[in-house]
Amino acid sequence: MIKNKTIFGYVMLAGILGCLATSAFAAPLQIQEFKKVQLSQIEQDQLCKQVKDLCQKGVQWRSLKTPDQNLWILSNRNDIAQFKPTAMGFKLVRQWDIVTVASEEGNHKQYVFPKLFPLTQQRYAIAIIDQFSEMYSGGGANIERASFYELEGSGNERPFIKNYPFSFSRMIRACFSEQDYERSKGKCHDEDGLSLDIRPLKPMLWRFRYRYRLDVSPASDSNEKSYQGSRNLNIDLNKVPKYPNIPVTWNYAGQE
């Protein structure tokens, strides 16, 4: 009888441990933000010895730790490095040198969005943002488009989402006469804008939530009405649509 109880106890313990392991493995995926480095001087020295570019003059870092306690570094030069904890301190696992571009005129530039996006429990991606600005008579726009790249173990980046709308804000002049100024009630521009929130639902499935707003001036001749809208899209990362399923007016990419 005692032997049977002992065996039953082992079975129960194994079941509990199995449940705990399953729960840990099934922990919800979360997007994590690179923040100002909070490492000791000894830890920083360890990283610098392994990636010398991190310690060049003018280089600044942001960092985060993933659930497996790996340390990720993003520098203002778009270098990304992954380190694992060991008994001797952090050891370099791999690094990526992200290439970005900018126009000489200054109206187009790229930057690495300072967040790490999980694809699975152990695979991650980054977003490179194309940022545009344009000016026109009495108005202008700021536009951001996002492309997402998986950070592969080989040190390469694999693109899987290209040129999706990320955000924009736009102003269009509505007042052209004294009568327009009187009718405008102090608001002489039509304004609209878009924003995007991303939430991982499960491995290789993200939810994109687009929010759009349109605020029409009383003096506008656009025949549009002010409104706010939103749309949720579940994006299968194994077969990403070329374009997101949102209204054409929400997908402003700049003047042609």
C-alpha atoms as a PDB file:
ATOM      1  CA  MET A   1       0.000   0.000   0.000  1.00  0.00           C
ATOM      2  CA  ILE A   2       2.810   2.405   0.857  1.00  0.00           C
ATOM      3  CA  LYS A   3       4.528   1.506  -2.403  1.00  0.00           C
ATOM      4  CA  ASN A   4       1.369   2.325  -4.360  1.00  0.00           C
ATOM      5  CA  LYS A   5       1.050   5.668  -2.581  1.00  0.00           C
ATOM      6  CA  THR A   6       4.674   6.457  -3.425  1.00  0.00           C
ATOM      7  CA  ILE A   7       4.112   5.657  -7.084  1.00  0.00           C
ATOM      8  CA  PHE A   8       0.941   7.761  -7.077  1.00  0.00           C
ATOM      9  CA  GLY A   9       2.914  10.627  -5.547  1.00  0.00           C
ATOM     10  CA  TYR A  10       5.555  10.433  -8.275  1.00  0.00           C
ATOM     11  CA  VAL A  11       2.834  10.439 -10.946  1.00  0.00           C
ATOM     12  CA  MET A  12       1.176  13.494  -9.392  1.00  0.00           C
ATOM     13  CA  LEU A  13       4.525  15.305  -9.108  1.00  0.00           C
ATOM     14  CA  ALA A  14       5.384  14.512 -12.723  1.00  0.00           C
ATOM     15  CA  GLY A  15       1.977  15.807 -13.780  1.00  0.00           C
ATOM     16  CA  ILE A  16       2.430  19.058 -11.869  1.00  0.00           C
ATOM     17  CA  LEU A  17       5.923  19.593 -13.284  1.00  0.00           C
ATOM     18  CA  GLY A  18       4.617  18.863 -16.759  1.00  0.00           C
ATOM     19  CA  CYS A  19       1.862  21.433 -16.358  1.00  0.00           C
ATOM     20  CA  LEU A  20       4.342  24.011 -15.118  1.00  0.00           C
ATOM     21  CA  ALA A  21       6.648  23.345 -18.067  1.00  0.00           C
ATOM     22  CA  THR A  22       3.731  23.610 -20.486  1.00  0.00           C
ATOM     23  CA  SER A  23       2.576  26.863 -18.877  1.00  0.00           C
ATOM     24  CA  ALA A  24       6.081  28.315 -19.104  1.00  0.00           C
ATOM     25  CA  PHE A  25       6.394  27.294 -22.742  1.00  0.00           C
ATOM     26  CA  ALA A  26       2.964  28.732 -23.533  1.00  0.00           C
ATOM     27  CA  ALA A  27       3.690  32.079 -21.891  1.00  0.00           C
ATOM     28  CA  PRO A  28       2.085  34.848 -23.946  1.00  0.00           C
ATOM     29  CA  LEU A  29       4.284  36.463 -26.555  1.00  0.00           C
ATOM     30  CA  GLN A  30       4.992  40.104 -25.838  1.00  0.00           C
ATOM     31  CA  ILE A  31       6.560  42.934 -27.790  1.00  0.00           C
ATOM     32  CA  GLN A  32       9.429  44.376 -25.764  1.00  0.00           C
ATOM     33  CA  GLU A  33      10.888  47.852 -25.853  1.00  0.00           C
ATOM     34  CA  PHE A  34      14.574  48.741 -25.939  1.00  0.00           C
ATOM     35  CA  LYS A  35      15.166  51.152 -23.068  1.00  0.00           C
ATOM     36  CA  LYS A  36      18.067  53.176 -21.745  1.00  0.00           C
ATOM     37  CA  VAL A  37      20.807  50.793 -20.627  1.00  0.00           C
ATOM     38  CA  GLN A  38      20.737  49.858 -16.951  1.00  0.00           C
ATOM     39  CA  LEU A  39      23.870  47.734 -16.707  1.00  0.00           C
ATOM     40  CA  SER A  40      26.760  47.868 -14.297  1.00  0.00           C
ATOM     41  CA  GLN A  41      30.120  49.147 -15.495  1.00  0.00           C
ATOM     42  CA  ILE A  42      31.511  45.597 -15.290  1.00  0.00           C
ATOM     43  CA  GLU A  43      28.715  44.305 -17.508  1.00  0.00           C
ATOM     44  CA  GLN A  44      29.221  47.128 -19.995  1.00  0.00           C
ATOM     45  CA  ASP A  45      32.936  46.359 -20.147  1.00  0.00           C
ATOM     46  CA  GLN A  46      32.125  42.697 -20.854  1.00  0.00           C
ATOM     47  CA  LEU A  47      29.979  43.694 -23.823  1.00  0.00           C
ATOM     48  CA  CYS A  48      32.544  46.177 -25.157  1.00  0.00           C
ATOM     49  CA  LYS A  49      35.299  43.562 -25.210  1.00  0.00           C
ATOM     50  CA  GLN A  50      33.157  41.354 -27.436  1.00  0.00           C
ATOM     51  CA  VAL A  51      31.622  44.053 -29.686  1.00  0.00           C
ATOM     52  CA  LYS A  52      34.100  46.910 -29.877  1.00  0.00           C
ATOM     53  CA  ASP A  53      31.805  49.046 -32.040  1.00  0.00           C
ATOM     54  CA  LEU A  54      29.517  49.484 -29.037  1.00  0.00           C
ATOM     55  CA  CYS A  55      32.139  51.549 -27.254  1.00  0.00           C
ATOM     56  CA  GLN A  56      33.160  53.938 -29.994  1.00  0.00           C
ATOM     57  CA  LYS A  57      32.782  57.640 -29.369  1.00  0.00           C
ATOM     58  CA  GLY A  58      29.206  58.861 -29.701  1.00  0.00           C
ATOM     59  CA  VAL A  59      27.624  55.402 -29.615  1.00  0.00           C
ATOM     60  CA  GLN A  60      24.634  55.073 -27.289  1.00  0.00           C
ATOM     61  CA  TRP A  61      22.769  51.910 -26.358  1.00  0.00           C
ATOM     62  CA  ARG A  62      19.354  50.697 -25.404  1.00  0.00           C
ATOM     63  CA  SER A  63      18.758  47.223 -23.990  1.00  0.00           C
ATOM     64  CA  LEU A  64      16.148  44.661 -23.012  1.00  0.00           C
ATOM     65  CA  LYS A  65      15.995  41.106 -21.661  1.00  0.00           C
ATOM     66  CA  THR A  66      13.827  38.433 -23.261  1.00  0.00           C
ATOM     67  CA  PRO A  67      12.064  35.778 -21.104  1.00  0.00           C
ATOM     68  CA  ASP A  68      15.028  33.404 -21.578  1.00  0.00           C
ATOM     69  CA  GLN A  69      17.182  36.105 -19.887  1.00  0.00           C
ATOM     70  CA  ASN A  70      19.142  36.807 -23.054  1.00  0.00           C
ATOM     71  CA  LEU A  71      20.314  40.403 -23.249  1.00  0.00           C
ATOM     72  CA  TRP A  72      19.659  42.405 -26.433  1.00  0.00           C
ATOM     73  CA  ILE A  73      21.425  45.651 -27.298  1.00  0.00           C
ATOM     74  CA  LEU A  74      20.376  48.252 -29.885  1.00  0.00           C
ATOM     75  CA  SER A  75      22.806  51.080 -30.610  1.00  0.00           C
ATOM     76  CA  ASN A  76      22.113  54.436 -32.211  1.00  0.00           C
ATOM     77  CA  ARG A  77      24.185  53.158 -35.159  1.00  0.00           C
ATOM     78  CA  ASN A  78      21.581  50.424 -35.727  1.00  0.00           C
ATOM     79  CA  ASP A  79      23.828  47.621 -34.482  1.00  0.00           C
ATOM     80  CA  ILE A  80      21.912  44.851 -32.713  1.00  0.00           C
ATOM     81  CA  ALA A  81      23.634  42.266 -30.526  1.00  0.00           C
ATOM     82  CA  GLN A  82      22.344  39.305 -28.539  1.00  0.00           C
ATOM     83  CA  PHE A  83      24.140  37.998 -25.440  1.00  0.00           C
ATOM     84  CA  LYS A  84      23.403  35.003 -23.218  1.00  0.00           C
ATOM     85  CA  PRO A  85      24.077  34.858 -19.477  1.00  0.00           C
ATOM     86  CA  THR A  86      26.845  32.537 -18.309  1.00  0.00           C
ATOM     87  CA  ALA A  87      28.707  31.958 -15.065  1.00  0.00           C
ATOM     88  CA  MET A  88      31.427  34.248 -16.424  1.00  0.00           C
ATOM     89  CA  GLY A  89      29.023  37.003 -17.474  1.00  0.00           C
ATOM     90  CA  PHE A  90      27.270  37.810 -20.727  1.00  0.00           C
ATOM     91  CA  LYS A  91      28.600  36.014 -23.818  1.00  0.00           C
ATOM     92  CA  LEU A  92      27.951  37.202 -27.375  1.00  0.00           C
ATOM     93  CA  VAL A  93      25.580  34.926 -29.296  1.00  0.00           C
ATOM     94  CA  ARG A  94      25.290  36.867 -32.571  1.00  0.00           C
ATOM     95  CA  GLN A  95      25.020  40.365 -33.957  1.00  0.00           C
ATOM     96  CA  TRP A  96      23.364  42.157 -36.850  1.00  0.00           C
ATOM     97  CA  ASP A  97      24.486  45.304 -38.644  1.00  0.00           C
ATOM     98  CA  ILE A  98      21.284  46.946 -39.871  1.00  0.00           C
ATOM     99  CA  VAL A  99      21.746  49.177 -42.914  1.00  0.00           C
ATOM    100  CA  THR A 100      19.510  52.238 -43.163  1.00  0.00           C
ATOM    101  CA  VAL A 101      19.426  55.081 -45.692  1.00  0.00           C
ATOM    102  CA  ALA A 102      18.578  58.786 -45.743  1.00  0.00           C
ATOM    103  CA  SER A 103      18.080  61.308 -48.535  1.00  0.00           C
ATOM    104  CA  GLU A 104      20.383  64.277 -48.923  1.00  0.00           C
ATOM    105  CA  GLU A 105      17.371  66.598 -48.874  1.00  0.00           C
ATOM    106  CA  GLY A 106      16.350  65.289 -45.472  1.00  0.00           C
ATOM    107  CA  ASN A 107      12.760  64.460 -46.433  1.00  0.00           C
ATOM    108  CA  HIS A 108      13.318  60.685 -46.240  1.00  0.00           C
ATOM    109  CA  LYS A 109      15.145  58.631 -43.649  1.00  0.00           C
ATOM    110  CA  GLN A 110      15.045  55.166 -42.132  1.00  0.00           C
ATOM    111  CA  TYR A 111      15.414  54.070 -38.529  1.00  0.00           C
ATOM    112  CA  VAL A 112      15.080  50.905 -36.475  1.00  0.00           C
ATOM    113  CA  PHE A 113      11.923  51.042 -34.377  1.00  0.00           C
ATOM    114  CA  PRO A 114      13.161  50.432 -30.802  1.00  0.00           C
ATOM    115  CA  LYS A 115      11.113  47.307 -30.106  1.00  0.00           C
ATOM    116  CA  LEU A 116      11.685  43.569 -30.451  1.00  0.00           C
ATOM    117  CA  PHE A 117       8.768  41.664 -32.011  1.00  0.00           C
ATOM    118  CA  PRO A 118       8.368  37.942 -31.184  1.00  0.00           C
ATOM    119  CA  LEU A 119       7.550  35.525 -34.017  1.00  0.00           C
ATOM    120  CA  THR A 120       7.746  32.460 -31.744  1.00  0.00           C
ATOM    121  CA  GLN A 121       9.155  31.842 -28.280  1.00  0.00           C
ATOM    122  CA  GLN A 122      12.716  31.982 -29.662  1.00  0.00           C
ATOM    123  CA  ARG A 123      12.480  33.878 -32.960  1.00  0.00           C
ATOM    124  CA  TYR A 124      12.374  37.656 -33.136  1.00  0.00           C
ATOM    125  CA  ALA A 125      11.977  40.445 -35.643  1.00  0.00           C
ATOM    126  CA  ILE A 126      12.567  44.173 -35.918  1.00  0.00           C
ATOM    127  CA  ALA A 127      10.803  46.912 -37.848  1.00  0.00           C
ATOM    128  CA  ILE A 128      12.640  49.360 -40.083  1.00  0.00           C
ATOM    129  CA  ILE A 129      10.617  52.534 -40.520  1.00  0.00           C
ATOM    130  CA  ASP A 130      10.739  54.642 -43.670  1.00  0.00           C
ATOM    131  CA  GLN A 131       9.935  58.203 -42.615  1.00  0.00           C
ATOM    132  CA  PHE A 132       8.866  60.801 -45.193  1.00  0.00           C
ATOM    133  CA  SER A 133       7.821  64.420 -44.949  1.00  0.00           C
ATOM    134  CA  GLU A 134       6.262  66.707 -47.540  1.00  0.00           C
ATOM    135  CA  MET A 135       5.242  70.334 -47.555  1.00  0.00           C
ATOM    136  CA  TYR A 136       2.709  72.095 -49.727  1.00  0.00           C
ATOM    137  CA  SER A 137       0.831  75.385 -49.702  1.00  0.00           C
ATOM    138  CA  GLY A 138      -0.559  75.887 -46.236  1.00  0.00           C
ATOM    139  CA  GLY A 139      -0.110  72.263 -45.157  1.00  0.00           C
ATOM    140  CA  GLY A 140       2.026  69.171 -45.140  1.00  0.00           C
ATOM    141  CA  ALA A 141       2.324  65.556 -44.048  1.00  0.00           C
ATOM    142  CA  ASN A 142       4.565  63.209 -42.074  1.00  0.00           C
ATOM    143  CA  ILE A 143       4.370  59.580 -43.184  1.00  0.00           C
ATOM    144  CA  GLU A 144       5.854  56.356 -41.801  1.00  0.00           C
ATOM    145  CA  ARG A 145       5.898  52.985 -43.571  1.00  0.00           C
ATOM    146  CA  ALA A 146       7.115  49.802 -41.860  1.00  0.00           C
ATOM    147  CA  SER A 147       9.014  46.766 -43.112  1.00  0.00           C
ATOM    148  CA  PHE A 148       9.597  43.838 -40.755  1.00  0.00           C
ATOM    149  CA  TYR A 149      12.672  41.585 -40.758  1.00  0.00           C
ATOM    150  CA  GLU A 150      13.317  38.369 -38.875  1.00  0.00           C
ATOM    151  CA  LEU A 151      16.703  38.366 -37.105  1.00  0.00           C
ATOM    152  CA  GLU A 152      18.093  35.042 -38.286  1.00  0.00           C
ATOM    153  CA  GLY A 153      20.661  32.957 -36.443  1.00  0.00           C
ATOM    154  CA  SER A 154      23.067  33.400 -39.357  1.00  0.00           C
ATOM    155  CA  GLY A 155      23.303  37.138 -38.655  1.00  0.00           C
ATOM    156  CA  ASN A 156      21.122  38.000 -41.656  1.00  0.00           C
ATOM    157  CA  GLU A 157      17.737  39.689 -41.750  1.00  0.00           C
ATOM    158  CA  ARG A 158      14.843  38.032 -43.595  1.00  0.00           C
ATOM    159  CA  PRO A 159      12.082  40.390 -44.800  1.00  0.00           C
ATOM    160  CA  PHE A 160       8.510  39.145 -44.374  1.00  0.00           C
ATOM    161  CA  ILE A 161       6.414  42.349 -44.316  1.00  0.00           C
ATOM    162  CA  LYS A 162       7.257  45.145 -46.745  1.00  0.00           C
ATOM    163  CA  ASN A 163       6.093  48.748 -46.849  1.00  0.00           C
ATOM    164  CA  TYR A 164       2.995  48.515 -44.639  1.00  0.00           C
ATOM    165  CA  PRO A 165       1.396  51.767 -43.425  1.00  0.00           C
ATOM    166  CA  PHE A 166       2.632  52.524 -39.916  1.00  0.00           C
ATOM    167  CA  SER A 167       1.486  56.086 -39.224  1.00  0.00           C
ATOM    168  CA  PHE A 168       0.805  59.413 -40.853  1.00  0.00           C
ATOM    169  CA  SER A 169      -0.506  62.875 -40.007  1.00  0.00           C
ATOM    170  CA  ARG A 170      -1.614  65.340 -42.679  1.00  0.00           C
ATOM    171  CA  MET A 171      -2.944  68.907 -42.895  1.00  0.00           C
ATOM    172  CA  ILE A 172      -4.628  70.366 -45.991  1.00  0.00           C
ATOM    173  CA  ARG A 173      -5.436  74.046 -46.225  1.00  0.00           C
ATOM    174  CA  ALA A 174      -9.168  74.834 -46.238  1.00  0.00           C
ATOM    175  CA  CYS A 175      -9.265  78.661 -45.986  1.00  0.00           C
ATOM    176  CA  PHE A 176      -8.606  80.747 -49.106  1.00  0.00           C
ATOM    177  CA  SER A 177     -10.818  83.815 -48.639  1.00  0.00           C
ATOM    178  CA  GLU A 178     -12.073  86.110 -45.920  1.00  0.00           C
ATOM    179  CA  GLN A 179     -15.402  84.277 -46.032  1.00  0.00           C
ATOM    180  CA  ASP A 180     -13.597  80.962 -45.517  1.00  0.00           C
ATOM    181  CA  TYR A 181     -11.852  82.310 -42.430  1.00  0.00           C
ATOM    182  CA  GLU A 182     -15.177  83.456 -41.019  1.00  0.00           C
ATOM    183  CA  ARG A 183     -16.816  80.067 -41.675  1.00  0.00           C
ATOM    184  CA  SER A 184     -13.853  78.084 -40.343  1.00  0.00           C
ATOM    185  CA  LYS A 185     -14.477  78.975 -36.675  1.00  0.00           C
ATOM    186  CA  GLY A 186     -10.722  79.114 -36.180  1.00  0.00           C
ATOM    187  CA  LYS A 187     -10.031  75.797 -37.923  1.00  0.00           C
ATOM    188  CA  CYS A 188      -8.581  76.375 -41.389  1.00  0.00           C
ATOM    189  CA  HIS A 189      -7.239  72.890 -42.157  1.00  0.00           C
ATOM    190  CA  ASP A 190      -8.624  69.476 -42.924  1.00  0.00           C
ATOM    191  CA  GLU A 191      -6.600  67.041 -40.823  1.00  0.00           C
ATOM    192  CA  ASP A 192      -6.353  63.273 -40.881  1.00  0.00           C
ATOM    193  CA  GLY A 193      -4.038  60.632 -39.515  1.00  0.00           C
ATOM    194  CA  LEU A 194      -3.378  56.944 -38.987  1.00  0.00           C
ATOM    195  CA  SER A 195      -1.776  54.915 -36.202  1.00  0.00           C
ATOM    196  CA  LEU A 196      -1.002  51.214 -35.766  1.00  0.00           C
ATOM    197  CA  ASP A 197      -0.930  48.947 -32.718  1.00  0.00           C
ATOM    198  CA  ILE A 198       0.521  45.437 -33.014  1.00  0.00           C
ATOM    199  CA  ARG A 199      -0.236  42.535 -30.694  1.00  0.00           C
ATOM    200  CA  PRO A 200       1.139  38.965 -31.000  1.00  0.00           C
ATOM    201  CA  LEU A 201      -1.738  36.484 -30.604  1.00  0.00           C
ATOM    202  CA  LYS A 202       0.255  33.253 -30.880  1.00  0.00           C
ATOM    203  CA  PRO A 203       3.376  32.050 -32.698  1.00  0.00           C
ATOM    204  CA  MET A 204       3.424  33.422 -36.265  1.00  0.00           C
ATOM    205  CA  LEU A 205       0.150  35.322 -35.842  1.00  0.00           C
ATOM    206  CA  TRP A 206      -0.054  39.047 -35.110  1.00  0.00           C
ATOM    207  CA  ARG A 207      -3.029  41.366 -34.808  1.00  0.00           C
ATOM    208  CA  PHE A 208      -2.700  44.763 -36.459  1.00  0.00           C
ATOM    209  CA  ARG A 209      -5.137  47.392 -35.226  1.00  0.00           C
ATOM    210  CA  TYR A 210      -5.307  50.442 -37.445  1.00  0.00           C
ATOM    211  CA  ARG A 211      -6.947  53.621 -36.155  1.00  0.00           C
ATOM    212  CA  TYR A 212      -7.868  56.442 -38.514  1.00  0.00           C
ATOM    213  CA  ARG A 213      -9.284  59.905 -37.825  1.00  0.00           C
ATOM    214  CA  LEU A 214     -10.533  62.649 -40.132  1.00  0.00           C
ATOM    215  CA  ASP A 215     -11.284  66.155 -38.849  1.00  0.00           C
ATOM    216  CA  VAL A 216     -12.857  68.378 -41.521  1.00  0.00           C
ATOM    217  CA  SER A 217     -12.804  72.172 -41.337  1.00  0.00           C
ATOM    218  CA  PRO A 218     -16.188  73.973 -41.526  1.00  0.00           C
ATOM    219  CA  ALA A 219     -14.675  75.905 -44.457  1.00  0.00           C
ATOM    220  CA  SER A 220     -13.668  72.774 -46.384  1.00  0.00           C
ATOM    221  CA  ASP A 221     -14.917  72.087 -49.911  1.00  0.00           C
ATOM    222  CA  SER A 222     -13.940  68.396 -49.732  1.00  0.00           C
ATOM    223  CA  ASN A 223     -17.523  67.128 -49.162  1.00  0.00           C
ATOM    224  CA  GLU A 224     -16.090  64.813 -46.490  1.00  0.00           C
ATOM    225  CA  LYS A 225     -17.377  64.487 -42.927  1.00  0.00           C
ATOM    226  CA  SER A 226     -15.307  64.128 -39.776  1.00  0.00           C
ATOM    227  CA  TYR A 227     -15.123  60.604 -38.389  1.00  0.00           C
ATOM    228  CA  GLN A 228     -12.979  58.069 -36.563  1.00  0.00           C
ATOM    229  CA  GLY A 229     -12.569  54.448 -37.536  1.00  0.00           C
ATOM    230  CA  SER A 230     -10.566  51.350 -36.662  1.00  0.00           C
ATOM    231  CA  ARG A 231      -9.932  47.940 -38.169  1.00  0.00           C
ATOM    232  CA  ASN A 232      -8.412  44.762 -36.725  1.00  0.00           C
ATOM    233  CA  LEU A 233      -6.407  42.515 -39.039  1.00  0.00           C
ATOM    234  CA  ASN A 234      -5.047  39.108 -38.078  1.00  0.00           C
ATOM    235  CA  ILE A 235      -1.793  38.704 -40.019  1.00  0.00           C
ATOM    236  CA  ASP A 236      -0.531  35.159 -40.652  1.00  0.00           C
ATOM    237  CA  LEU A 237       3.235  35.687 -40.735  1.00  0.00           C
ATOM    238  CA  ASN A 238       3.693  32.563 -42.862  1.00  0.00           C
ATOM    239  CA  LYS A 239       1.726  34.162 -45.732  1.00  0.00           C
ATOM    240  CA  VAL A 240       1.535  37.917 -45.262  1.00  0.00           C
ATOM    241  CA  PRO A 241      -0.789  39.810 -47.639  1.00  0.00           C
ATOM    242  CA  LYS A 242       1.044  42.210 -49.934  1.00  0.00           C
ATOM    243  CA  TYR A 243      -1.268  45.028 -48.789  1.00  0.00           C
ATOM    244  CA  PRO A 244      -3.266  45.327 -45.571  1.00  0.00           C
ATOM    245  CA  ASN A 245      -7.044  45.212 -45.942  1.00  0.00           C
ATOM    246  CA  ILE A 246      -7.816  48.811 -44.988  1.00  0.00           C
ATOM    247  CA  PRO A 247      -9.625  51.611 -46.895  1.00  0.00           C
ATOM    248  CA  VAL A 248      -7.571  53.302 -49.601  1.00  0.00           C
ATOM    249  CA  THR A 249      -7.894  56.686 -47.850  1.00  0.00           C
ATOM    250  CA  TRP A 250      -6.193  55.211 -44.770  1.00  0.00           C
ATOM    251  CA  ASN A 251      -3.186  54.083 -46.784  1.00  0.00           C
ATOM    252  CA  TYR A 252      -1.661  57.460 -47.622  1.00  0.00           C
ATOM    253  CA  ALA A 253       1.909  57.069 -48.873  1.00  0.00           C
ATOM    254  CA  GLY A 254       2.622  60.633 -50.003  1.00  0.00           C
ATOM    255  CA  GLN A 255       2.047  62.630 -53.141  1.00  0.00           C
ATOM    256  CA  GLU A 256       3.013  61.011 -56.413  1.00  0.00           C
END
